[in-house]
Amino acid sequence: MGCSVLERPVSQATPPPNLTVVWEPRIVRDDQRNAYASPDGAIYVESGLAKRSDSSAGLRAAILSHEIAHGVRREWARGYL
């Protein structure tokens, strides 16, 4: 997962007003196949999923853009409330 894959989804994401987020991909070394985003802009990709998507920039971009969508829609807040 690289920042170059992250640039396009981030440029297309429109955050809600009054929300400043710096998206940062992070690898969780646990061999699981999941990804999730936190409110602070961190996008966690578990190492099993990162390995599985390693040969496809399109798949990596899809994973990251999916998690960006969760962050932009503030779905974490809905779950918290």
PDB file of N, CA and C in Angstrom:
ATOM      1  N   MET A   1       0.847  -1.159   0.000  1.00  0.00           N
ATOM      2  CA  MET A   1       0.000   0.000   0.000  1.00  0.00           C
ATOM      3  C   MET A   1       0.895   1.225   0.000  1.00  0.00           C
ATOM      4  N   GLY A   2       0.673   2.059  -0.936  1.00  0.00           N
ATOM      5  CA  GLY A   2       1.508   3.248  -0.996  1.00  0.00           C
ATOM      6  C   GLY A   2       0.676   4.494  -1.068  1.00  0.00           C
ATOM      7  N   CYS A   3       1.298   5.602  -0.769  1.00  0.00           N
ATOM      8  CA  CYS A   3       0.592   6.880  -0.826  1.00  0.00           C
ATOM      9  C   CYS A   3       0.200   7.230  -2.249  1.00  0.00           C
ATOM     10  N   SER A   4       0.921   6.723  -3.243  1.00  0.00           N
ATOM     11  CA  SER A   4       0.555   7.020  -4.629  1.00  0.00           C
ATOM     12  C   SER A   4      -0.800   6.426  -4.984  1.00  0.00           C
ATOM     13  N   VAL A   5      -1.131   5.272  -4.434  1.00  0.00           N
ATOM     14  CA  VAL A   5      -2.436   4.660  -4.671  1.00  0.00           C
ATOM     15  C   VAL A   5      -3.516   5.461  -3.962  1.00  0.00           C
ATOM     16  N   LEU A   6      -3.160   6.103  -2.882  1.00  0.00           N
ATOM     17  CA  LEU A   6      -4.115   6.856  -2.079  1.00  0.00           C
ATOM     18  C   LEU A   6      -4.458   8.214  -2.677  1.00  0.00           C
ATOM     19  N   GLU A   7      -3.582   8.778  -3.498  1.00  0.00           N
ATOM     20  CA  GLU A   7      -3.762  10.142  -3.991  1.00  0.00           C
ATOM     21  C   GLU A   7      -5.068  10.350  -4.756  1.00  0.00           C
ATOM     22  N   ARG A   8      -5.416   9.477  -5.676  1.00  0.00           N
ATOM     23  CA  ARG A   8      -6.618   9.694  -6.489  1.00  0.00           C
ATOM     24  C   ARG A   8      -7.905   9.610  -5.667  1.00  0.00           C
ATOM     25  N   PRO A   9      -8.108   8.555  -4.860  1.00  0.00           N
ATOM     26  CA  PRO A   9      -9.343   8.542  -4.054  1.00  0.00           C
ATOM     27  C   PRO A   9      -9.446   9.741  -3.122  1.00  0.00           C
ATOM     28  N   VAL A  10      -8.323  10.173  -2.549  1.00  0.00           N
ATOM     29  CA  VAL A  10      -8.349  11.319  -1.646  1.00  0.00           C
ATOM     30  C   VAL A  10      -8.721  12.582  -2.399  1.00  0.00           C
ATOM     31  N   SER A  11      -8.207  12.745  -3.613  1.00  0.00           N
ATOM     32  CA  SER A  11      -8.509  13.948  -4.389  1.00  0.00           C
ATOM     33  C   SER A  11      -9.985  13.998  -4.788  1.00  0.00           C
ATOM     34  N   GLN A  12     -10.634  12.852  -4.864  1.00  0.00           N
ATOM     35  CA  GLN A  12     -12.035  12.803  -5.266  1.00  0.00           C
ATOM     36  C   GLN A  12     -13.001  12.796  -4.085  1.00  0.00           C
ATOM     37  N   ALA A  13     -12.479  12.569  -2.887  1.00  0.00           N
ATOM     38  CA  ALA A  13     -13.328  12.533  -1.698  1.00  0.00           C
ATOM     39  C   ALA A  13     -13.669  13.955  -1.269  1.00  0.00           C
ATOM     40  N   THR A  14     -14.925  14.207  -1.033  1.00  0.00           N
ATOM     41  CA  THR A  14     -15.368  15.517  -0.574  1.00  0.00           C
ATOM     42  C   THR A  14     -15.803  15.388   0.880  1.00  0.00           C
ATOM     43  N   PRO A  15     -14.967  15.857   1.800  1.00  0.00           N
ATOM     44  CA  PRO A  15     -15.344  15.736   3.208  1.00  0.00           C
ATOM     45  C   PRO A  15     -16.470  16.697   3.567  1.00  0.00           C
ATOM     46  N   PRO A  16     -17.235  16.361   4.582  1.00  0.00           N
ATOM     47  CA  PRO A  16     -18.288  17.273   5.044  1.00  0.00           C
ATOM     48  C   PRO A  16     -17.670  18.600   5.503  1.00  0.00           C
ATOM     49  N   PRO A  17     -18.453  19.671   5.528  1.00  0.00           N
ATOM     50  CA  PRO A  17     -17.940  20.960   6.013  1.00  0.00           C
ATOM     51  C   PRO A  17     -17.380  20.822   7.433  1.00  0.00           C
ATOM     52  N   ASN A  18     -16.389  21.615   7.734  1.00  0.00           N
ATOM     53  CA  ASN A  18     -15.767  21.642   9.067  1.00  0.00           C
ATOM     54  C   ASN A  18     -15.061  20.342   9.435  1.00  0.00           C
ATOM     55  N   LEU A  19     -14.713  19.536   8.452  1.00  0.00           N
ATOM     56  CA  LEU A  19     -13.988  18.295   8.725  1.00  0.00           C
ATOM     57  C   LEU A  19     -12.666  18.340   7.969  1.00  0.00           C
ATOM     58  N   THR A  20     -11.597  18.347   8.701  1.00  0.00           N
ATOM     59  CA  THR A  20     -10.276  18.309   8.091  1.00  0.00           C
ATOM     60  C   THR A  20      -9.657  16.961   8.416  1.00  0.00           C
ATOM     61  N   VAL A  21      -9.364  16.192   7.387  1.00  0.00           N
ATOM     62  CA  VAL A  21      -8.823  14.848   7.579  1.00  0.00           C
ATOM     63  C   VAL A  21      -7.590  14.690   6.714  1.00  0.00           C
ATOM     64  N   VAL A  22      -6.555  14.114   7.276  1.00  0.00           N
ATOM     65  CA  VAL A  22      -5.377  13.732   6.513  1.00  0.00           C
ATOM     66  C   VAL A  22      -5.377  12.205   6.484  1.00  0.00           C
ATOM     67  N   TRP A  23      -5.648  11.640   5.320  1.00  0.00           N
ATOM     68  CA  TRP A  23      -5.745  10.184   5.190  1.00  0.00           C
ATOM     69  C   TRP A  23      -4.352   9.570   5.249  1.00  0.00           C
ATOM     70  N   GLU A  24      -4.210   8.520   6.036  1.00  0.00           N
ATOM     71  CA  GLU A  24      -2.928   7.854   6.197  1.00  0.00           C
ATOM     72  C   GLU A  24      -3.134   6.336   6.250  1.00  0.00           C
ATOM     73  N   PRO A  25      -2.646   5.609   5.229  1.00  0.00           N
ATOM     74  CA  PRO A  25      -2.789   4.153   5.262  1.00  0.00           C
ATOM     75  C   PRO A  25      -1.794   3.537   6.257  1.00  0.00           C
ATOM     76  N   ARG A  26      -2.258   2.534   6.988  1.00  0.00           N
ATOM     77  CA  ARG A  26      -1.419   1.820   7.960  1.00  0.00           C
ATOM     78  C   ARG A  26      -1.659   0.329   7.801  1.00  0.00           C
ATOM     79  N   ILE A  27      -0.613  -0.450   7.948  1.00  0.00           N
ATOM     80  CA  ILE A  27      -0.719  -1.904   7.869  1.00  0.00           C
ATOM     81  C   ILE A  27      -0.767  -2.475   9.281  1.00  0.00           C
ATOM     82  N   VAL A  28      -1.741  -3.335   9.530  1.00  0.00           N
ATOM     83  CA  VAL A  28      -1.852  -4.058  10.798  1.00  0.00           C
ATOM     84  C   VAL A  28      -1.288  -5.449  10.542  1.00  0.00           C
ATOM     85  N   ARG A  29      -0.236  -5.801  11.207  1.00  0.00           N
ATOM     86  CA  ARG A  29       0.452  -7.080  10.962  1.00  0.00           C
ATOM     87  C   ARG A  29      -0.192  -8.213  11.763  1.00  0.00           C
ATOM     88  N   ASP A  30      -1.273  -8.763  11.189  1.00  0.00           N
ATOM     89  CA  ASP A  30      -1.964  -9.855  11.865  1.00  0.00           C
ATOM     90  C   ASP A  30      -2.458 -10.944  10.915  1.00  0.00           C
ATOM     91  N   ASP A  31      -2.132 -10.843   9.633  1.00  0.00           N
ATOM     92  CA  ASP A  31      -2.510 -11.815   8.603  1.00  0.00           C
ATOM     93  C   ASP A  31      -4.010 -11.961   8.391  1.00  0.00           C
ATOM     94  N   GLN A  32      -4.812 -11.061   8.940  1.00  0.00           N
ATOM     95  CA  GLN A  32      -6.254 -11.089   8.694  1.00  0.00           C
ATOM     96  C   GLN A  32      -6.549 -10.345   7.399  1.00  0.00           C
ATOM     97  N   ARG A  33      -7.778 -10.441   6.910  1.00  0.00           N
ATOM     98  CA  ARG A  33      -8.175  -9.805   5.649  1.00  0.00           C
ATOM     99  C   ARG A  33      -9.323  -8.840   5.874  1.00  0.00           C
ATOM    100  N   ASN A  34      -8.984  -7.691   6.447  1.00  0.00           N
ATOM    101  CA  ASN A  34      -9.997  -6.681   6.716  1.00  0.00           C
ATOM    102  C   ASN A  34      -9.365  -5.305   6.594  1.00  0.00           C
ATOM    103  N   ALA A  35     -10.190  -4.286   6.507  1.00  0.00           N
ATOM    104  CA  ALA A  35      -9.728  -2.905   6.487  1.00  0.00           C
ATOM    105  C   ALA A  35     -10.773  -2.056   7.190  1.00  0.00           C
ATOM    106  N   TYR A  36     -10.334  -0.964   7.782  1.00  0.00           N
ATOM    107  CA  TYR A  36     -11.255  -0.070   8.470  1.00  0.00           C
ATOM    108  C   TYR A  36     -10.604   1.296   8.599  1.00  0.00           C
ATOM    109  N   ALA A  37     -11.433   2.310   8.767  1.00  0.00           N
ATOM    110  CA  ALA A  37     -10.952   3.684   8.884  1.00  0.00           C
ATOM    111  C   ALA A  37     -11.311   4.235  10.250  1.00  0.00           C
ATOM    112  N   SER A  38     -10.438   5.076  10.778  1.00  0.00           N
ATOM    113  CA  SER A  38     -10.718   5.717  12.057  1.00  0.00           C
ATOM    114  C   SER A  38     -11.071   7.187  11.818  1.00  0.00           C
ATOM    115  N   PRO A  39     -11.691   7.841  12.791  1.00  0.00           N
ATOM    116  CA  PRO A  39     -12.107   9.236  12.613  1.00  0.00           C
ATOM    117  C   PRO A  39     -10.951  10.200  12.336  1.00  0.00           C
ATOM    118  N   ASP A  40      -9.743   9.844  12.762  1.00  0.00           N
ATOM    119  CA  ASP A  40      -8.614  10.750  12.564  1.00  0.00           C
ATOM    120  C   ASP A  40      -7.991  10.646  11.172  1.00  0.00           C
ATOM    121  N   GLY A  41      -8.540   9.789  10.310  1.00  0.00           N
ATOM    122  CA  GLY A  41      -8.044   9.664   8.943  1.00  0.00           C
ATOM    123  C   GLY A  41      -7.131   8.480   8.710  1.00  0.00           C
ATOM    124  N   ALA A  42      -6.822   7.742   9.744  1.00  0.00           N
ATOM    125  CA  ALA A  42      -6.000   6.545   9.567  1.00  0.00           C
ATOM    126  C   ALA A  42      -6.845   5.462   8.904  1.00  0.00           C
ATOM    127  N   ILE A  43      -6.284   4.829   7.896  1.00  0.00           N
ATOM    128  CA  ILE A  43      -6.937   3.709   7.231  1.00  0.00           C
ATOM    129  C   ILE A  43      -6.102   2.477   7.531  1.00  0.00           C
ATOM    130  N   TYR A  44      -6.672   1.554   8.284  1.00  0.00           N
ATOM    131  CA  TYR A  44      -5.974   0.341   8.683  1.00  0.00           C
ATOM    132  C   TYR A  44      -6.294  -0.780   7.709  1.00  0.00           C
ATOM    133  N   VAL A  45      -5.270  -1.381   7.166  1.00  0.00           N
ATOM    134  CA  VAL A  45      -5.419  -2.526   6.268  1.00  0.00           C
ATOM    135  C   VAL A  45      -4.649  -3.680   6.906  1.00  0.00           C
ATOM    136  N   GLU A  46      -5.361  -4.754   7.208  1.00  0.00           N
ATOM    137  CA  GLU A  46      -4.704  -5.895   7.829  1.00  0.00           C
ATOM    138  C   GLU A  46      -3.799  -6.576   6.814  1.00  0.00           C
ATOM    139  N   SER A  47      -2.701  -7.137   7.296  1.00  0.00           N
ATOM    140  CA  SER A  47      -1.637  -7.631   6.414  1.00  0.00           C
ATOM    141  C   SER A  47      -2.098  -8.730   5.462  1.00  0.00           C
ATOM    142  N   GLY A  48      -3.044  -9.549   5.851  1.00  0.00           N
ATOM    143  CA  GLY A  48      -3.543 -10.584   4.939  1.00  0.00           C
ATOM    144  C   GLY A  48      -4.216  -9.976   3.719  1.00  0.00           C
ATOM    145  N   LEU A  49      -4.987  -8.921   3.921  1.00  0.00           N
ATOM    146  CA  LEU A  49      -5.641  -8.230   2.812  1.00  0.00           C
ATOM    147  C   LEU A  49      -4.617  -7.468   1.973  1.00  0.00           C
ATOM    148  N   ALA A  50      -3.640  -6.860   2.628  1.00  0.00           N
ATOM    149  CA  ALA A  50      -2.594  -6.136   1.900  1.00  0.00           C
ATOM    150  C   ALA A  50      -1.814  -7.090   0.994  1.00  0.00           C
ATOM    151  N   LYS A  51      -1.479  -8.278   1.500  1.00  0.00           N
ATOM    152  CA  LYS A  51      -0.755  -9.264   0.694  1.00  0.00           C
ATOM    153  C   LYS A  51      -1.600  -9.735  -0.481  1.00  0.00           C
ATOM    154  N   ARG A  52      -2.876  -9.956  -0.223  1.00  0.00           N
ATOM    155  CA  ARG A  52      -3.778 -10.453  -1.269  1.00  0.00           C
ATOM    156  C   ARG A  52      -3.975  -9.421  -2.383  1.00  0.00           C
ATOM    157  N   SER A  53      -3.930  -8.144  -2.049  1.00  0.00           N
ATOM    158  CA  SER A  53      -4.149  -7.100  -3.044  1.00  0.00           C
ATOM    159  C   SER A  53      -2.843  -6.519  -3.586  1.00  0.00           C
ATOM    160  N   ASP A  54      -1.725  -7.096  -3.199  1.00  0.00           N
ATOM    161  CA  ASP A  54      -0.411  -6.538  -3.533  1.00  0.00           C
ATOM    162  C   ASP A  54      -0.151  -6.430  -5.025  1.00  0.00           C
ATOM    163  N   SER A  55      -0.690  -7.326  -5.821  1.00  0.00           N
ATOM    164  CA  SER A  55      -0.390  -7.324  -7.258  1.00  0.00           C
ATOM    165  C   SER A  55      -1.353  -6.456  -8.070  1.00  0.00           C
ATOM    166  N   SER A  56      -2.292  -5.797  -7.421  1.00  0.00           N
ATOM    167  CA  SER A  56      -3.299  -5.028  -8.150  1.00  0.00           C
ATOM    168  C   SER A  56      -3.473  -3.632  -7.558  1.00  0.00           C
ATOM    169  N   ALA A  57      -2.969  -2.630  -8.273  1.00  0.00           N
ATOM    170  CA  ALA A  57      -3.151  -1.248  -7.818  1.00  0.00           C
ATOM    171  C   ALA A  57      -4.634  -0.890  -7.782  1.00  0.00           C
ATOM    172  N   GLY A  58      -5.415  -1.435  -8.704  1.00  0.00           N
ATOM    173  CA  GLY A  58      -6.847  -1.167  -8.735  1.00  0.00           C
ATOM    174  C   GLY A  58      -7.548  -1.693  -7.502  1.00  0.00           C
ATOM    175  N   LEU A  59      -7.176  -2.884  -7.065  1.00  0.00           N
ATOM    176  CA  LEU A  59      -7.779  -3.456  -5.863  1.00  0.00           C
ATOM    177  C   LEU A  59      -7.364  -2.670  -4.625  1.00  0.00           C
ATOM    178  N   ARG A  60      -6.106  -2.262  -4.551  1.00  0.00           N
ATOM    179  CA  ARG A  60      -5.662  -1.440  -3.420  1.00  0.00           C
ATOM    180  C   ARG A  60      -6.428  -0.118  -3.397  1.00  0.00           C
ATOM    181  N   ALA A  61      -6.602   0.494  -4.567  1.00  0.00           N
ATOM    182  CA  ALA A  61      -7.350   1.756  -4.635  1.00  0.00           C
ATOM    183  C   ALA A  61      -8.805   1.552  -4.218  1.00  0.00           C
ATOM    184  N   ALA A  62      -9.389   0.425  -4.598  1.00  0.00           N
ATOM    185  CA  ALA A  62     -10.778   0.131  -4.222  1.00  0.00           C
ATOM    186  C   ALA A  62     -10.910  -0.015  -2.711  1.00  0.00           C
ATOM    187  N   ILE A  63      -9.971  -0.707  -2.093  1.00  0.00           N
ATOM    188  CA  ILE A  63      -9.996  -0.890  -0.638  1.00  0.00           C
ATOM    189  C   ILE A  63      -9.900   0.462   0.059  1.00  0.00           C
ATOM    190  N   LEU A  64      -8.926   1.269  -0.365  1.00  0.00           N
ATOM    191  CA  LEU A  64      -8.723   2.564   0.274  1.00  0.00           C
ATOM    192  C   LEU A  64      -9.894   3.511   0.037  1.00  0.00           C
ATOM    193  N   SER A  65     -10.412   3.545  -1.187  1.00  0.00           N
ATOM    194  CA  SER A  65     -11.531   4.456  -1.463  1.00  0.00           C
ATOM    195  C   SER A  65     -12.790   4.022  -0.712  1.00  0.00           C
ATOM    196  N   HIS A  66     -12.970   2.728  -0.534  1.00  0.00           N
ATOM    197  CA  HIS A  66     -14.098   2.224   0.252  1.00  0.00           C
ATOM    198  C   HIS A  66     -14.004   2.727   1.692  1.00  0.00           C
ATOM    199  N   GLU A  67     -12.814   2.646   2.260  1.00  0.00           N
ATOM    200  CA  GLU A  67     -12.633   3.097   3.645  1.00  0.00           C
ATOM    201  C   GLU A  67     -12.731   4.617   3.748  1.00  0.00           C
ATOM    202  N   ILE A  68     -12.259   5.346   2.740  1.00  0.00           N
ATOM    203  CA  ILE A  68     -12.412   6.802   2.725  1.00  0.00           C
ATOM    204  C   ILE A  68     -13.894   7.165   2.730  1.00  0.00           C
ATOM    205  N   ALA A  69     -14.691   6.416   1.967  1.00  0.00           N
ATOM    206  CA  ALA A  69     -16.135   6.673   1.929  1.00  0.00           C
ATOM    207  C   ALA A  69     -16.756   6.523   3.308  1.00  0.00           C
ATOM    208  N   HIS A  70     -16.333   5.514   4.058  1.00  0.00           N
ATOM    209  CA  HIS A  70     -16.835   5.360   5.435  1.00  0.00           C
ATOM    210  C   HIS A  70     -16.480   6.590   6.269  1.00  0.00           C
ATOM    211  N   GLY A  71     -15.247   7.077   6.127  1.00  0.00           N
ATOM    212  CA  GLY A  71     -14.818   8.243   6.900  1.00  0.00           C
ATOM    213  C   GLY A  71     -15.554   9.497   6.509  1.00  0.00           C
ATOM    214  N   VAL A  72     -15.716   9.731   5.228  1.00  0.00           N
ATOM    215  CA  VAL A  72     -16.399  10.933   4.743  1.00  0.00           C
ATOM    216  C   VAL A  72     -17.861  10.935   5.166  1.00  0.00           C
ATOM    217  N   ARG A  73     -18.465   9.764   5.183  1.00  0.00           N
ATOM    218  CA  ARG A  73     -19.876   9.678   5.578  1.00  0.00           C
ATOM    219  C   ARG A  73     -20.054   9.673   7.094  1.00  0.00           C
ATOM    220  N   ARG A  74     -18.935   9.736   7.810  1.00  0.00           N
ATOM    221  CA  ARG A  74     -18.934   9.743   9.283  1.00  0.00           C
ATOM    222  C   ARG A  74     -19.676   8.554   9.874  1.00  0.00           C
ATOM    223  N   GLU A  75     -19.507   7.406   9.285  1.00  0.00           N
ATOM    224  CA  GLU A  75     -20.194   6.213   9.774  1.00  0.00           C
ATOM    225  C   GLU A  75     -19.708   5.808  11.155  1.00  0.00           C
ATOM    226  N   TRP A  76     -18.474   6.179  11.492  1.00  0.00           N
ATOM    227  CA  TRP A  76     -17.975   5.897  12.828  1.00  0.00           C
ATOM    228  C   TRP A  76     -18.830   6.611  13.886  1.00  0.00           C
ATOM    229  N   ALA A  77     -19.303   7.813  13.566  1.00  0.00           N
ATOM    230  CA  ALA A  77     -20.109   8.571  14.526  1.00  0.00           C
ATOM    231  C   ALA A  77     -21.471   7.921  14.733  1.00  0.00           C
ATOM    232  N   ARG A  78     -22.040   7.413  13.654  1.00  0.00           N
ATOM    233  CA  ARG A  78     -23.337   6.737  13.769  1.00  0.00           C
ATOM    234  C   ARG A  78     -23.234   5.520  14.681  1.00  0.00           C
ATOM    235  N   GLY A  79     -22.150   4.761  14.531  1.00  0.00           N
ATOM    236  CA  GLY A  79     -21.949   3.594  15.373  1.00  0.00           C
ATOM    237  C   GLY A  79     -21.722   3.981  16.826  1.00  0.00           C
ATOM    238  N   TYR A  80     -21.028   5.089  17.021  1.00  0.00           N
ATOM    239  CA  TYR A  80     -20.751   5.569  18.376  1.00  0.00           C
ATOM    240  C   TYR A  80     -22.021   6.055  19.056  1.00  0.00           C
ATOM    241  N   LEU A  81     -22.849   6.779  18.317  1.00  0.00           N
ATOM    242  CA  LEU A  81     -24.070   7.327  18.899  1.00  0.00           C
ATOM    243  C   LEU A  81     -25.104   6.245  19.105  1.00  0.00           C
TER     244      LEU A  81
END
